[in-house]
Each structure stands twice: as C-alpha cells, then as structure tokens.
C-alpha cells in the first residue's frame, strides 16, 4: 500500500515498450489507472514506443506490426491511433520525438489544462 501512495502525484510516469503488447482496452485500463494517480498541474506520462506513420508505413514498420499481431493481440500504433488512445484516457499529447520516422519515439502526454468558465 505504501508503494501505491508514492505513485500518486509523481512528476513522470514512464512506460517503455508496454503498450504495443496489448489491445486498446487493456491500454486504456493502464492509462486510466495512471491518470487517476496524476497531479493535474505537474504530472506527465512518457511513452517510449513505436509511432508509425498514419499512411504508407515502411516495410520494417509494417512487419513489426504484423509480428505484434501474430504473437498476441498487440499492435504498433500510428500517430493517429496514439492520439485517439490517449484522448480516450483523458490525456492530450504535448509532443512526439523520434530519431527516425516510424521507429521508436517518445510521446509526452499530459492532462488537459482546465480553464475556469
């Protein structure tokens, strides 16, 4: 129980090569559990995983996607798919950084800024 308390309000939650192993419903559960622990003013999620182009993915990237599907129910996601998944969990993408398009990238996601009306 003490370990869980330490996770509440952390500045950064880091996931590397986790989400490509799972279908969206499981990823949403992981993300929503993390969102519930986040501090809305300072927490962020960093995801190191593949971000495929929305169209015309290269042969290597497509082969990796097929491999993830064949060994389970995982998938390599496109930028649009990441955007939709993170949005469904209540997050917005602050940035995506990649050394090479379609390869492993770092996605930064945060809770949307709440404005008072």
PDB file of N, CA and C in Angstrom:
ATOM      1  N   UNK A   1       0.826  -1.199   0.000  1.00  0.00           N
ATOM      2  CA  UNK A   1       0.000   0.000   0.000  1.00  0.00           C
ATOM      3  C   UNK A   1       0.868   1.259   0.000  1.00  0.00           C
ATOM      4  N   UNK A   2       1.975   1.272   0.742  1.00  0.00           N
ATOM      5  CA  UNK A   2       2.852   2.443   0.761  1.00  0.00           C
ATOM      6  C   UNK A   2       3.437   2.728  -0.615  1.00  0.00           C
ATOM      7  N   UNK A   3       3.756   1.666  -1.354  1.00  0.00           N
ATOM      8  CA  UNK A   3       4.298   1.864  -2.700  1.00  0.00           C
ATOM      9  C   UNK A   3       3.292   2.574  -3.585  1.00  0.00           C
ATOM     10  N   UNK A   4       2.017   2.234  -3.470  1.00  0.00           N
ATOM     11  CA  UNK A   4       0.987   2.892  -4.275  1.00  0.00           C
ATOM     12  C   UNK A   4       0.865   4.361  -3.918  1.00  0.00           C
ATOM     13  N   UNK A   5       0.985   4.699  -2.649  1.00  0.00           N
ATOM     14  CA  UNK A   5       0.895   6.094  -2.233  1.00  0.00           C
ATOM     15  C   UNK A   5       2.019   6.916  -2.843  1.00  0.00           C
ATOM     16  N   UNK A   6       3.199   6.308  -2.993  1.00  0.00           N
ATOM     17  CA  UNK A   6       4.336   7.019  -3.574  1.00  0.00           C
ATOM     18  C   UNK A   6       4.112   7.328  -5.049  1.00  0.00           C
ATOM     19  N   UNK A   7       3.254   6.583  -5.707  1.00  0.00           N
ATOM     20  CA  UNK A   7       2.996   6.801  -7.124  1.00  0.00           C
ATOM     21  C   UNK A   7       2.003   7.927  -7.378  1.00  0.00           C
ATOM     22  N   UNK A   8       1.228   8.286  -6.384  1.00  0.00           N
ATOM     23  CA  UNK A   8       0.228   9.341  -6.555  1.00  0.00           C
ATOM     24  C   UNK A   8       0.935  10.685  -6.669  1.00  0.00           C
ATOM     25  N   UNK A   9       0.615  11.422  -7.733  1.00  0.00           N
ATOM     26  CA  UNK A   9       1.160  12.759  -7.919  1.00  0.00           C
ATOM     27  C   UNK A   9       2.600  12.819  -8.380  1.00  0.00           C
ATOM     28  N   UNK A  10       3.129  11.717  -8.915  1.00  0.00           N
ATOM     29  CA  UNK A  10       4.508  11.727  -9.410  1.00  0.00           C
ATOM     30  C   UNK A  10       4.646  12.719 -10.561  1.00  0.00           C
ATOM     31  N   UNK A  11       5.846  13.238 -10.740  1.00  0.00           N
ATOM     32  CA  UNK A  11       6.077  14.168 -11.859  1.00  0.00           C
ATOM     33  C   UNK A  11       6.020  13.439 -13.200  1.00  0.00           C
ATOM     34  N   UNK A  12       6.565  12.228 -13.242  1.00  0.00           N
ATOM     35  CA  UNK A  12       6.633  11.494 -14.507  1.00  0.00           C
ATOM     36  C   UNK A  12       6.293  10.025 -14.295  1.00  0.00           C
ATOM     37  N   UNK A  13       5.483   9.505 -15.209  1.00  0.00           N
ATOM     38  CA  UNK A  13       5.179   8.080 -15.272  1.00  0.00           C
ATOM     39  C   UNK A  13       5.750   7.597 -16.603  1.00  0.00           C
ATOM     40  N   UNK A  14       6.662   6.624 -16.570  1.00  0.00           N
ATOM     41  CA  UNK A  14       7.405   6.205 -17.754  1.00  0.00           C
ATOM     42  C   UNK A  14       7.022   4.775 -18.145  1.00  0.00           C
ATOM     43  N   UNK A  15       6.663   4.618 -19.409  1.00  0.00           N
ATOM     44  CA  UNK A  15       6.330   3.306 -19.958  1.00  0.00           C
ATOM     45  C   UNK A  15       7.189   3.081 -21.200  1.00  0.00           C
ATOM     46  N   UNK A  16       7.932   1.982 -21.243  1.00  0.00           N
ATOM     47  CA  UNK A  16       8.734   1.675 -22.422  1.00  0.00           C
ATOM     48  C   UNK A  16       8.326   0.307 -22.964  1.00  0.00           C
ATOM     49  N   UNK A  17       7.931   0.292 -24.215  1.00  0.00           N
ATOM     50  CA  UNK A  17       7.576  -0.948 -24.926  1.00  0.00           C
ATOM     51  C   UNK A  17       6.544  -1.764 -24.147  1.00  0.00           C
ATOM     52  N   UNK A  18       5.558  -1.082 -23.594  1.00  0.00           N
ATOM     53  CA  UNK A  18       4.494  -1.742 -22.839  1.00  0.00           C
ATOM     54  C   UNK A  18       3.230  -1.846 -23.687  1.00  0.00           C
ATOM     55  N   UNK A  19       2.835  -0.733 -24.265  1.00  0.00           N
ATOM     56  CA  UNK A  19       1.511  -0.656 -24.887  1.00  0.00           C
ATOM     57  C   UNK A  19       1.397  -1.428 -26.195  1.00  0.00           C
ATOM     58  N   UNK A  20       2.521  -1.671 -26.882  1.00  0.00           N
ATOM     59  CA  UNK A  20       2.408  -2.414 -28.147  1.00  0.00           C
ATOM     60  C   UNK A  20       2.079  -3.886 -27.919  1.00  0.00           C
ATOM     61  N   UNK A  21       2.184  -4.342 -26.673  1.00  0.00           N
ATOM     62  CA  UNK A  21       1.862  -5.733 -26.354  1.00  0.00           C
ATOM     63  C   UNK A  21       0.371  -5.974 -26.131  1.00  0.00           C
ATOM     64  N   UNK A  22      -0.412  -4.907 -26.050  1.00  0.00           N
ATOM     65  CA  UNK A  22      -1.794  -5.028 -25.590  1.00  0.00           C
ATOM     66  C   UNK A  22      -2.793  -4.354 -26.527  1.00  0.00           C
ATOM     67  N   UNK A  23      -4.037  -4.886 -26.543  1.00  0.00           N
ATOM     68  CA  UNK A  23      -5.092  -4.219 -27.320  1.00  0.00           C
ATOM     69  C   UNK A  23      -5.513  -2.925 -26.616  1.00  0.00           C
ATOM     70  N   UNK A  24      -6.253  -2.106 -27.319  1.00  0.00           N
ATOM     71  CA  UNK A  24      -6.651  -0.797 -26.788  1.00  0.00           C
ATOM     72  C   UNK A  24      -7.353  -0.879 -25.441  1.00  0.00           C
ATOM     73  N   UNK A  25      -8.228  -1.858 -25.253  1.00  0.00           N
ATOM     74  CA  UNK A  25      -8.997  -1.920 -23.998  1.00  0.00           C
ATOM     75  C   UNK A  25      -8.079  -2.096 -22.790  1.00  0.00           C
ATOM     76  N   UNK A  26      -7.019  -2.884 -22.922  1.00  0.00           N
ATOM     77  CA  UNK A  26      -6.073  -3.073 -21.818  1.00  0.00           C
ATOM     78  C   UNK A  26      -5.223  -1.816 -21.642  1.00  0.00           C
ATOM     79  N   UNK A  27      -4.799  -1.228 -22.752  1.00  0.00           N
ATOM     80  CA  UNK A  27      -4.019   0.012 -22.679  1.00  0.00           C
ATOM     81  C   UNK A  27      -4.822   1.118 -22.006  1.00  0.00           C
ATOM     82  N   UNK A  28      -6.097   1.201 -22.330  1.00  0.00           N
ATOM     83  CA  UNK A  28      -6.958   2.207 -21.699  1.00  0.00           C
ATOM     84  C   UNK A  28      -7.048   1.991 -20.196  1.00  0.00           C
ATOM     85  N   UNK A  29      -7.127   0.752 -19.774  1.00  0.00           N
ATOM     86  CA  UNK A  29      -7.184   0.461 -18.343  1.00  0.00           C
ATOM     87  C   UNK A  29      -5.890   0.917 -17.660  1.00  0.00           C
ATOM     88  N   UNK A  30      -4.748   0.612 -18.253  1.00  0.00           N
ATOM     89  CA  UNK A  30      -3.461   1.032 -17.697  1.00  0.00           C
ATOM     90  C   UNK A  30      -3.393   2.554 -17.636  1.00  0.00           C
ATOM     91  N   UNK A  31      -3.762   3.203 -18.737  1.00  0.00           N
ATOM     92  CA  UNK A  31      -3.689   4.665 -18.796  1.00  0.00           C
ATOM     93  C   UNK A  31      -4.662   5.324 -17.823  1.00  0.00           C
ATOM     94  N   UNK A  32      -5.879   4.818 -17.748  1.00  0.00           N
ATOM     95  CA  UNK A  32      -6.866   5.418 -16.828  1.00  0.00           C
ATOM     96  C   UNK A  32      -6.443   5.245 -15.372  1.00  0.00           C
ATOM     97  N   UNK A  33      -5.847   4.111 -15.038  1.00  0.00           N
ATOM     98  CA  UNK A  33      -5.326   3.933 -13.684  1.00  0.00           C
ATOM     99  C   UNK A  33      -4.213   4.937 -13.397  1.00  0.00           C
ATOM    100  N   UNK A  34      -3.384   5.191 -14.392  1.00  0.00           N
ATOM    101  CA  UNK A  34      -2.309   6.166 -14.225  1.00  0.00           C
ATOM    102  C   UNK A  34      -2.878   7.569 -14.112  1.00  0.00           C
ATOM    103  N   UNK A  35      -3.841   7.906 -14.972  1.00  0.00           N
ATOM    104  CA  UNK A  35      -4.480   9.230 -14.930  1.00  0.00           C
ATOM    105  C   UNK A  35      -5.063   9.499 -13.549  1.00  0.00           C
ATOM    106  N   UNK A  36      -5.648   8.482 -12.933  1.00  0.00           N
ATOM    107  CA  UNK A  36      -6.263   8.690 -11.615  1.00  0.00           C
ATOM    108  C   UNK A  36      -5.233   9.022 -10.541  1.00  0.00           C
ATOM    109  N   UNK A  37      -3.971   8.688 -10.781  1.00  0.00           N
ATOM    110  CA  UNK A  37      -2.912   8.989  -9.816  1.00  0.00           C
ATOM    111  C   UNK A  37      -2.184  10.299 -10.122  1.00  0.00           C
ATOM    112  N   UNK A  38      -2.416  10.866 -11.305  1.00  0.00           N
ATOM    113  CA  UNK A  38      -1.658  12.043 -11.744  1.00  0.00           C
ATOM    114  C   UNK A  38      -2.084  13.311 -11.019  1.00  0.00           C
ATOM    115  N   UNK A  39      -1.117  14.203 -10.856  1.00  0.00           N
ATOM    116  CA  UNK A  39      -1.372  15.558 -10.371  1.00  0.00           C
ATOM    117  C   UNK A  39      -1.656  16.397 -11.616  1.00  0.00           C
ATOM    118  N   UNK A  40      -2.797  17.034 -11.664  1.00  0.00           N
ATOM    119  CA  UNK A  40      -3.219  17.739 -12.884  1.00  0.00           C
ATOM    120  C   UNK A  40      -2.323  18.914 -13.242  1.00  0.00           C
ATOM    121  N   UNK A  41      -1.527  19.396 -12.316  1.00  0.00           N
ATOM    122  CA  UNK A  41      -0.693  20.568 -12.605  1.00  0.00           C
ATOM    123  C   UNK A  41       0.750  20.228 -12.944  1.00  0.00           C
ATOM    124  N   UNK A  42       1.204  19.010 -12.616  1.00  0.00           N
ATOM    125  CA  UNK A  42       2.632  18.759 -12.837  1.00  0.00           C
ATOM    126  C   UNK A  42       2.977  17.384 -13.380  1.00  0.00           C
ATOM    127  N   UNK A  43       2.061  16.432 -13.351  1.00  0.00           N
ATOM    128  CA  UNK A  43       2.380  15.071 -13.794  1.00  0.00           C
ATOM    129  C   UNK A  43       2.347  14.956 -15.310  1.00  0.00           C
ATOM    130  N   UNK A  44       3.146  14.031 -15.819  1.00  0.00           N
ATOM    131  CA  UNK A  44       3.145  13.729 -17.250  1.00  0.00           C
ATOM    132  C   UNK A  44       3.440  12.251 -17.425  1.00  0.00           C
ATOM    133  N   UNK A  45       3.069  11.748 -18.572  1.00  0.00           N
ATOM    134  CA  UNK A  45       3.371  10.368 -18.943  1.00  0.00           C
ATOM    135  C   UNK A  45       4.340  10.416 -20.118  1.00  0.00           C
ATOM    136  N   UNK A  46       5.421   9.654 -20.024  1.00  0.00           N
ATOM    137  CA  UNK A  46       6.343   9.484 -21.136  1.00  0.00           C
ATOM    138  C   UNK A  46       6.222   8.044 -21.614  1.00  0.00           C
ATOM    139  N   UNK A  47       5.994   7.888 -22.903  1.00  0.00           N
ATOM    140  CA  UNK A  47       5.843   6.568 -23.506  1.00  0.00           C
ATOM    141  C   UNK A  47       6.923   6.415 -24.570  1.00  0.00           C
ATOM    142  N   UNK A  48       7.792   5.422 -24.393  1.00  0.00           N
ATOM    143  CA  UNK A  48       8.798   5.100 -25.406  1.00  0.00           C
ATOM    144  C   UNK A  48       8.282   3.879 -26.159  1.00  0.00           C
ATOM    145  N   UNK A  49       7.860   4.102 -27.384  1.00  0.00           N
ATOM    146  CA  UNK A  49       7.259   3.032 -28.176  1.00  0.00           C
ATOM    147  C   UNK A  49       7.267   3.461 -29.644  1.00  0.00           C
ATOM    148  N   UNK A  50       6.886   2.572 -30.514  1.00  0.00           N
ATOM    149  CA  UNK A  50       6.849   2.906 -31.937  1.00  0.00           C
ATOM    150  C   UNK A  50       5.671   3.822 -32.253  1.00  0.00           C
ATOM    151  N   UNK A  51       5.904   4.762 -33.140  1.00  0.00           N
ATOM    152  CA  UNK A  51       4.846   5.618 -33.682  1.00  0.00           C
ATOM    153  C   UNK A  51       4.962   5.514 -35.201  1.00  0.00           C
ATOM    154  N   UNK A  52       4.053   4.754 -35.775  1.00  0.00           N
ATOM    155  CA  UNK A  52       4.080   4.554 -37.223  1.00  0.00           C
ATOM    156  C   UNK A  52       3.457   5.744 -37.932  1.00  0.00           C
ATOM    157  N   UNK A  53       3.852   5.967 -39.191  1.00  0.00           N
ATOM    158  CA  UNK A  53       3.169   6.993 -39.976  1.00  0.00           C
ATOM    159  C   UNK A  53       1.697   6.607 -40.141  1.00  0.00           C
ATOM    160  N   UNK A  54       0.835   7.600 -40.276  1.00  0.00           N
ATOM    161  CA  UNK A  54      -0.593   7.324 -40.454  1.00  0.00           C
ATOM    162  C   UNK A  54      -0.873   6.595 -41.763  1.00  0.00           C
ATOM    163  N   UNK A  55      -0.059   6.834 -42.774  1.00  0.00           N
ATOM    164  CA  UNK A  55      -0.195   6.146 -44.063  1.00  0.00           C
ATOM    165  C   UNK A  55       1.188   5.794 -44.584  1.00  0.00           C
ATOM    166  N   UNK A  56       1.240   4.816 -45.469  1.00  0.00           N
ATOM    167  CA  UNK A  56       2.471   4.427 -46.152  1.00  0.00           C
ATOM    168  C   UNK A  56       3.611   4.071 -45.203  1.00  0.00           C
ATOM    169  N   UNK A  57       3.324   3.254 -44.193  1.00  0.00           N
ATOM    170  CA  UNK A  57       4.383   2.781 -43.296  1.00  0.00           C
ATOM    171  C   UNK A  57       5.361   1.933 -44.097  1.00  0.00           C
ATOM    172  N   UNK A  58       6.617   2.000 -43.729  1.00  0.00           N
ATOM    173  CA  UNK A  58       7.647   1.241 -44.414  1.00  0.00           C
ATOM    174  C   UNK A  58       7.538  -0.254 -44.154  1.00  0.00           C
ATOM    175  N   UNK A  59       8.311  -1.026 -44.884  1.00  0.00           N
ATOM    176  CA  UNK A  59       8.266  -2.484 -44.779  1.00  0.00           C
ATOM    177  C   UNK A  59       8.620  -2.954 -43.370  1.00  0.00           C
ATOM    178  N   UNK A  60       9.677  -2.417 -42.781  1.00  0.00           N
ATOM    179  CA  UNK A  60      10.094  -2.831 -41.444  1.00  0.00           C
ATOM    180  C   UNK A  60       9.007  -2.541 -40.414  1.00  0.00           C
ATOM    181  N   UNK A  61       8.443  -1.348 -40.471  1.00  0.00           N
ATOM    182  CA  UNK A  61       7.403  -0.969 -39.515  1.00  0.00           C
ATOM    183  C   UNK A  61       6.158  -1.843 -39.678  1.00  0.00           C
ATOM    184  N   UNK A  62       5.790  -2.113 -40.911  1.00  0.00           N
ATOM    185  CA  UNK A  62       4.629  -2.969 -41.173  1.00  0.00           C
ATOM    186  C   UNK A  62       4.885  -4.391 -40.690  1.00  0.00           C
ATOM    187  N   UNK A  63       6.103  -4.885 -40.891  1.00  0.00           N
ATOM    188  CA  UNK A  63       6.450  -6.231 -40.435  1.00  0.00           C
ATOM    189  C   UNK A  63       6.392  -6.319 -38.912  1.00  0.00           C
ATOM    190  N   UNK A  64       6.848  -5.277 -38.225  1.00  0.00           N
ATOM    191  CA  UNK A  64       6.777  -5.259 -36.761  1.00  0.00           C
ATOM    192  C   UNK A  64       5.333  -5.276 -36.285  1.00  0.00           C
ATOM    193  N   UNK A  65       4.474  -4.549 -36.973  1.00  0.00           N
ATOM    194  CA  UNK A  65       3.056  -4.526 -36.617  1.00  0.00           C
ATOM    195  C   UNK A  65       2.440  -5.915 -36.787  1.00  0.00           C
ATOM    196  N   UNK A  66       2.744  -6.566 -37.896  1.00  0.00           N
ATOM    197  CA  UNK A  66       2.226  -7.913 -38.147  1.00  0.00           C
ATOM    198  C   UNK A  66       2.761  -8.887 -37.098  1.00  0.00           C
ATOM    199  N   UNK A  67       4.029  -8.743 -36.734  1.00  0.00           N
ATOM    200  CA  UNK A  67       4.618  -9.605 -35.707  1.00  0.00           C
ATOM    201  C   UNK A  67       3.887  -9.443 -34.373  1.00  0.00           C
ATOM    202  N   UNK A  68       3.589  -8.213 -33.980  1.00  0.00           N
ATOM    203  CA  UNK A  68       2.892  -7.977 -32.713  1.00  0.00           C
ATOM    204  C   UNK A  68       1.493  -8.592 -32.743  1.00  0.00           C
ATOM    205  N   UNK A  69       0.838  -8.535 -33.902  1.00  0.00           N
ATOM    206  CA  UNK A  69      -0.491  -9.144 -34.019  1.00  0.00           C
ATOM    207  C   UNK A  69      -0.411 -10.665 -33.950  1.00  0.00           C
ATOM    208  N   UNK A  70       0.650 -11.240 -34.521  1.00  0.00           N
ATOM    209  CA  UNK A  70       0.744 -12.701 -34.605  1.00  0.00           C
ATOM    210  C   UNK A  70       1.139 -13.357 -33.286  1.00  0.00           C
ATOM    211  N   UNK A  71       1.823 -12.640 -32.405  1.00  0.00           N
ATOM    212  CA  UNK A  71       2.243 -13.252 -31.136  1.00  0.00           C
ATOM    213  C   UNK A  71       1.295 -12.921 -29.993  1.00  0.00           C
ATOM    214  N   UNK A  72       0.251 -12.227 -30.290  1.00  0.00           N
ATOM    215  CA  UNK A  72      -0.723 -11.875 -29.258  1.00  0.00           C
ATOM    216  C   UNK A  72      -1.747 -10.940 -29.851  1.00  0.00           C
ATOM    217  N   UNK A  73      -2.216 -10.049 -29.045  1.00  0.00           N
ATOM    218  CA  UNK A  73      -3.207  -9.098 -29.554  1.00  0.00           C
ATOM    219  C   UNK A  73      -2.654  -7.681 -29.536  1.00  0.00           C
ATOM    220  N   UNK A  74      -1.345  -7.570 -29.656  1.00  0.00           N
ATOM    221  CA  UNK A  74      -0.713  -6.254 -29.654  1.00  0.00           C
ATOM    222  C   UNK A  74      -0.715  -5.618 -31.025  1.00  0.00           C
ATOM    223  N   UNK A  75      -0.203  -4.398 -31.065  1.00  0.00           N
ATOM    224  CA  UNK A  75      -0.141  -3.657 -32.323  1.00  0.00           C
ATOM    225  C   UNK A  75       0.863  -2.523 -32.209  1.00  0.00           C
ATOM    226  N   UNK A  76       1.486  -2.195 -33.309  1.00  0.00           N
ATOM    227  CA  UNK A  76       2.273  -0.966 -33.376  1.00  0.00           C
ATOM    228  C   UNK A  76       1.298   0.103 -33.847  1.00  0.00           C
ATOM    229  N   UNK A  77       1.235   1.220 -33.159  1.00  0.00           N
ATOM    230  CA  UNK A  77       0.218   2.239 -33.432  1.00  0.00           C
ATOM    231  C   UNK A  77       0.777   3.400 -34.259  1.00  0.00           C
ATOM    232  N   UNK A  78      -0.114   3.961 -35.059  1.00  0.00           N
ATOM    233  CA  UNK A  78       0.215   5.165 -35.825  1.00  0.00           C
ATOM    234  C   UNK A  78       0.028   6.389 -34.936  1.00  0.00           C
ATOM    235  N   UNK A  79       0.468   7.517 -35.423  1.00  0.00           N
ATOM    236  CA  UNK A  79       0.289   8.762 -34.670  1.00  0.00           C
ATOM    237  C   UNK A  79      -1.193   9.001 -34.370  1.00  0.00           C
ATOM    238  N   UNK A  80      -2.047   8.776 -35.353  1.00  0.00           N
ATOM    239  CA  UNK A  80      -3.489   8.957 -35.157  1.00  0.00           C
ATOM    240  C   UNK A  80      -4.030   7.989 -34.106  1.00  0.00           C
ATOM    241  N   UNK A  81      -3.580   6.746 -34.150  1.00  0.00           N
ATOM    242  CA  UNK A  81      -4.037   5.760 -33.165  1.00  0.00           C
ATOM    243  C   UNK A  81      -3.582   6.129 -31.752  1.00  0.00           C
ATOM    244  N   UNK A  82      -2.345   6.620 -31.616  1.00  0.00           N
ATOM    245  CA  UNK A  82      -1.866   7.075 -30.306  1.00  0.00           C
ATOM    246  C   UNK A  82      -2.702   8.251 -29.817  1.00  0.00           C
ATOM    247  N   UNK A  83      -2.983   9.181 -30.707  1.00  0.00           N
ATOM    248  CA  UNK A  83      -3.780  10.354 -30.337  1.00  0.00           C
ATOM    249  C   UNK A  83      -5.152   9.925 -29.830  1.00  0.00           C
ATOM    250  N   UNK A  84      -5.802   9.024 -30.548  1.00  0.00           N
ATOM    251  CA  UNK A  84      -7.135   8.553 -30.154  1.00  0.00           C
ATOM    252  C   UNK A  84      -7.092   7.789 -28.832  1.00  0.00           C
ATOM    253  N   UNK A  85      -6.091   6.934 -28.656  1.00  0.00           N
ATOM    254  CA  UNK A  85      -5.972   6.147 -27.431  1.00  0.00           C
ATOM    255  C   UNK A  85      -5.751   7.049 -26.218  1.00  0.00           C
ATOM    256  N   UNK A  86      -4.825   7.975 -26.336  1.00  0.00           N
ATOM    257  CA  UNK A  86      -4.522   8.864 -25.213  1.00  0.00           C
ATOM    258  C   UNK A  86      -5.691   9.793 -24.916  1.00  0.00           C
ATOM    259  N   UNK A  87      -6.355  10.272 -25.959  1.00  0.00           N
ATOM    260  CA  UNK A  87      -7.530  11.126 -25.762  1.00  0.00           C
ATOM    261  C   UNK A  87      -8.636  10.353 -25.033  1.00  0.00           C
ATOM    262  N   UNK A  88      -8.843   9.098 -25.404  1.00  0.00           N
ATOM    263  CA  UNK A  88      -9.870   8.273 -24.755  1.00  0.00           C
ATOM    264  C   UNK A  88      -9.569   8.063 -23.274  1.00  0.00           C
ATOM    265  N   UNK A  89      -8.296   8.149 -22.905  1.00  0.00           N
ATOM    266  CA  UNK A  89      -7.902   8.001 -21.500  1.00  0.00           C
ATOM    267  C   UNK A  89      -7.929   9.332 -20.755  1.00  0.00           C
ATOM    268  N   UNK A  90      -8.291  10.414 -21.470  1.00  0.00           N
ATOM    269  CA  UNK A  90      -8.355  11.725 -20.829  1.00  0.00           C
ATOM    270  C   UNK A  90      -7.061  12.502 -20.889  1.00  0.00           C
ATOM    271  N   UNK A  91      -6.211  12.175 -21.849  1.00  0.00           N
ATOM    272  CA  UNK A  91      -4.906  12.825 -21.981  1.00  0.00           C
ATOM    273  C   UNK A  91      -4.796  13.548 -23.313  1.00  0.00           C
ATOM    274  N   UNK A  92      -3.846  14.471 -23.378  1.00  0.00           N
ATOM    275  CA  UNK A  92      -3.516  15.094 -24.659  1.00  0.00           C
ATOM    276  C   UNK A  92      -2.016  14.978 -24.870  1.00  0.00           C
ATOM    277  N   UNK A  93      -1.631  14.885 -26.129  1.00  0.00           N
ATOM    278  CA  UNK A  93      -0.217  14.759 -26.472  1.00  0.00           C
ATOM    279  C   UNK A  93       0.421  16.139 -26.466  1.00  0.00           C
ATOM    280  N   UNK A  94       1.495  16.271 -25.714  1.00  0.00           N
ATOM    281  CA  UNK A  94       2.260  17.520 -25.681  1.00  0.00           C
ATOM    282  C   UNK A  94       3.356  17.497 -26.748  1.00  0.00           C
ATOM    283  N   UNK A  95       3.870  16.314 -27.042  1.00  0.00           N
ATOM    284  CA  UNK A  95       4.911  16.220 -28.058  1.00  0.00           C
ATOM    285  C   UNK A  95       5.253  14.778 -28.377  1.00  0.00           C
ATOM    286  N   UNK A  96       5.799  14.580 -29.582  1.00  0.00           N
ATOM    287  CA  UNK A  96       6.316  13.278 -30.004  1.00  0.00           C
ATOM    288  C   UNK A  96       7.699  13.526 -30.586  1.00  0.00           C
ATOM    289  N   UNK A  97       8.694  12.809 -30.071  1.00  0.00           N
ATOM    290  CA  UNK A  97      10.061  12.967 -30.540  1.00  0.00           C
ATOM    291  C   UNK A  97      10.561  11.639 -31.061  1.00  0.00           C
ATOM    292  N   UNK A  98      11.239  11.684 -32.215  1.00  0.00           N
ATOM    293  CA  UNK A  98      11.728  10.466 -32.840  1.00  0.00           C
ATOM    294  C   UNK A  98      13.023  10.753 -33.573  1.00  0.00           C
ATOM    295  N   UNK A  99      13.977   9.825 -33.446  1.00  0.00           N
ATOM    296  CA  UNK A  99      15.218   9.962 -34.195  1.00  0.00           C
ATOM    297  C   UNK A  99      15.033   9.571 -35.646  1.00  0.00           C
ATOM    298  N   UNK A 100      14.045   8.723 -35.906  1.00  0.00           N
ATOM    299  CA  UNK A 100      13.777   8.248 -37.254  1.00  0.00           C
ATOM    300  C   UNK A 100      12.278   8.005 -37.388  1.00  0.00           C
ATOM    301  N   UNK A 101      11.638   8.586 -38.387  1.00  0.00           N
ATOM    302  CA  UNK A 101      10.185   8.423 -38.535  1.00  0.00           C
ATOM    303  C   UNK A 101       9.782   6.953 -38.593  1.00  0.00           C
ATOM    304  N   UNK A 102       8.727   6.610 -37.856  1.00  0.00           N
ATOM    305  CA  UNK A 102       8.218   5.251 -37.869  1.00  0.00           C
ATOM    306  C   UNK A 102       8.957   4.289 -36.963  1.00  0.00           C
ATOM    307  N   UNK A 103       9.956   4.782 -36.247  1.00  0.00           N
ATOM    308  CA  UNK A 103      10.693   3.925 -35.325  1.00  0.00           C
ATOM    309  C   UNK A 103      10.352   4.327 -33.896  1.00  0.00           C
ATOM    310  N   UNK A 104      11.109   3.794 -32.926  1.00  0.00           N
ATOM    311  CA  UNK A 104      10.787   4.098 -31.538  1.00  0.00           C
ATOM    312  C   UNK A 104      10.839   5.600 -31.301  1.00  0.00           C
ATOM    313  N   UNK A 105       9.831   6.081 -30.632  1.00  0.00           N
ATOM    314  CA  UNK A 105       9.678   7.506 -30.353  1.00  0.00           C
ATOM    315  C   UNK A 105       9.389   7.680 -28.874  1.00  0.00           C
ATOM    316  N   UNK A 106       9.409   8.917 -28.430  1.00  0.00           N
ATOM    317  CA  UNK A 106       8.978   9.253 -27.081  1.00  0.00           C
ATOM    318  C   UNK A 106       7.760  10.157 -27.215  1.00  0.00           C
ATOM    319  N   UNK A 107       6.678   9.752 -26.568  1.00  0.00           N
ATOM    320  CA  UNK A 107       5.433  10.516 -26.565  1.00  0.00           C
ATOM    321  C   UNK A 107       5.264  11.107 -25.176  1.00  0.00           C
ATOM    322  N   UNK A 108       5.013  12.397 -25.105  1.00  0.00           N
ATOM    323  CA  UNK A 108       4.710  13.042 -23.828  1.00  0.00           C
ATOM    324  C   UNK A 108       3.222  13.365 -23.801  1.00  0.00           C
ATOM    325  N   UNK A 109       2.541  12.872 -22.778  1.00  0.00           N
ATOM    326  CA  UNK A 109       1.102  13.105 -22.633  1.00  0.00           C
ATOM    327  C   UNK A 109       0.823  13.716 -21.267  1.00  0.00           C
ATOM    328  N   UNK A 110      -0.113  14.649 -21.247  1.00  0.00           N
ATOM    329  CA  UNK A 110      -0.480  15.348 -20.012  1.00  0.00           C
ATOM    330  C   UNK A 110      -1.998  15.425 -19.912  1.00  0.00           C
ATOM    331  N   UNK A 111      -2.457  15.766 -18.724  1.00  0.00           N
ATOM    332  CA  UNK A 111      -3.878  16.044 -18.550  1.00  0.00           C
ATOM    333  C   UNK A 111      -4.174  17.388 -19.191  1.00  0.00           C
ATOM    334  N   UNK A 112      -5.313  17.540 -19.840  1.00  0.00           N
ATOM    335  CA  UNK A 112      -5.651  18.833 -20.449  1.00  0.00           C
ATOM    336  C   UNK A 112      -5.706  19.921 -19.374  1.00  0.00           C
ATOM    337  N   UNK A 113      -5.307  21.113 -19.752  1.00  0.00           N
ATOM    338  CA  UNK A 113      -5.378  22.251 -18.835  1.00  0.00           C
ATOM    339  C   UNK A 113      -6.836  22.611 -18.638  1.00  0.00           C
ATOM    340  N   UNK A 114      -7.242  22.667 -17.396  1.00  0.00           N
ATOM    341  CA  UNK A 114      -8.623  23.018 -17.074  1.00  0.00           C
ATOM    342  C   UNK A 114      -8.747  24.537 -17.015  1.00  0.00           C
ATOM    343  N   UNK A 115      -9.682  25.080 -17.754  1.00  0.00           N
ATOM    344  CA  UNK A 115      -9.930  26.521 -17.700  1.00  0.00           C
ATOM    345  C   UNK A 115     -11.247  26.763 -16.987  1.00  0.00           C
ATOM    346  N   UNK A 116     -11.266  27.792 -16.181  1.00  0.00           N
ATOM    347  CA  UNK A 116     -12.500  28.113 -15.464  1.00  0.00           C
ATOM    348  C   UNK A 116     -13.388  28.959 -16.353  1.00  0.00           C
ATOM    349  N   UNK A 117     -14.685  28.646 -16.345  1.00  0.00           N
ATOM    350  CA  UNK A 117     -15.596  29.419 -17.188  1.00  0.00           C
ATOM    351  C   UNK A 117     -16.575  30.193 -16.355  1.00  0.00           C
TER     352      UNK A 117
END
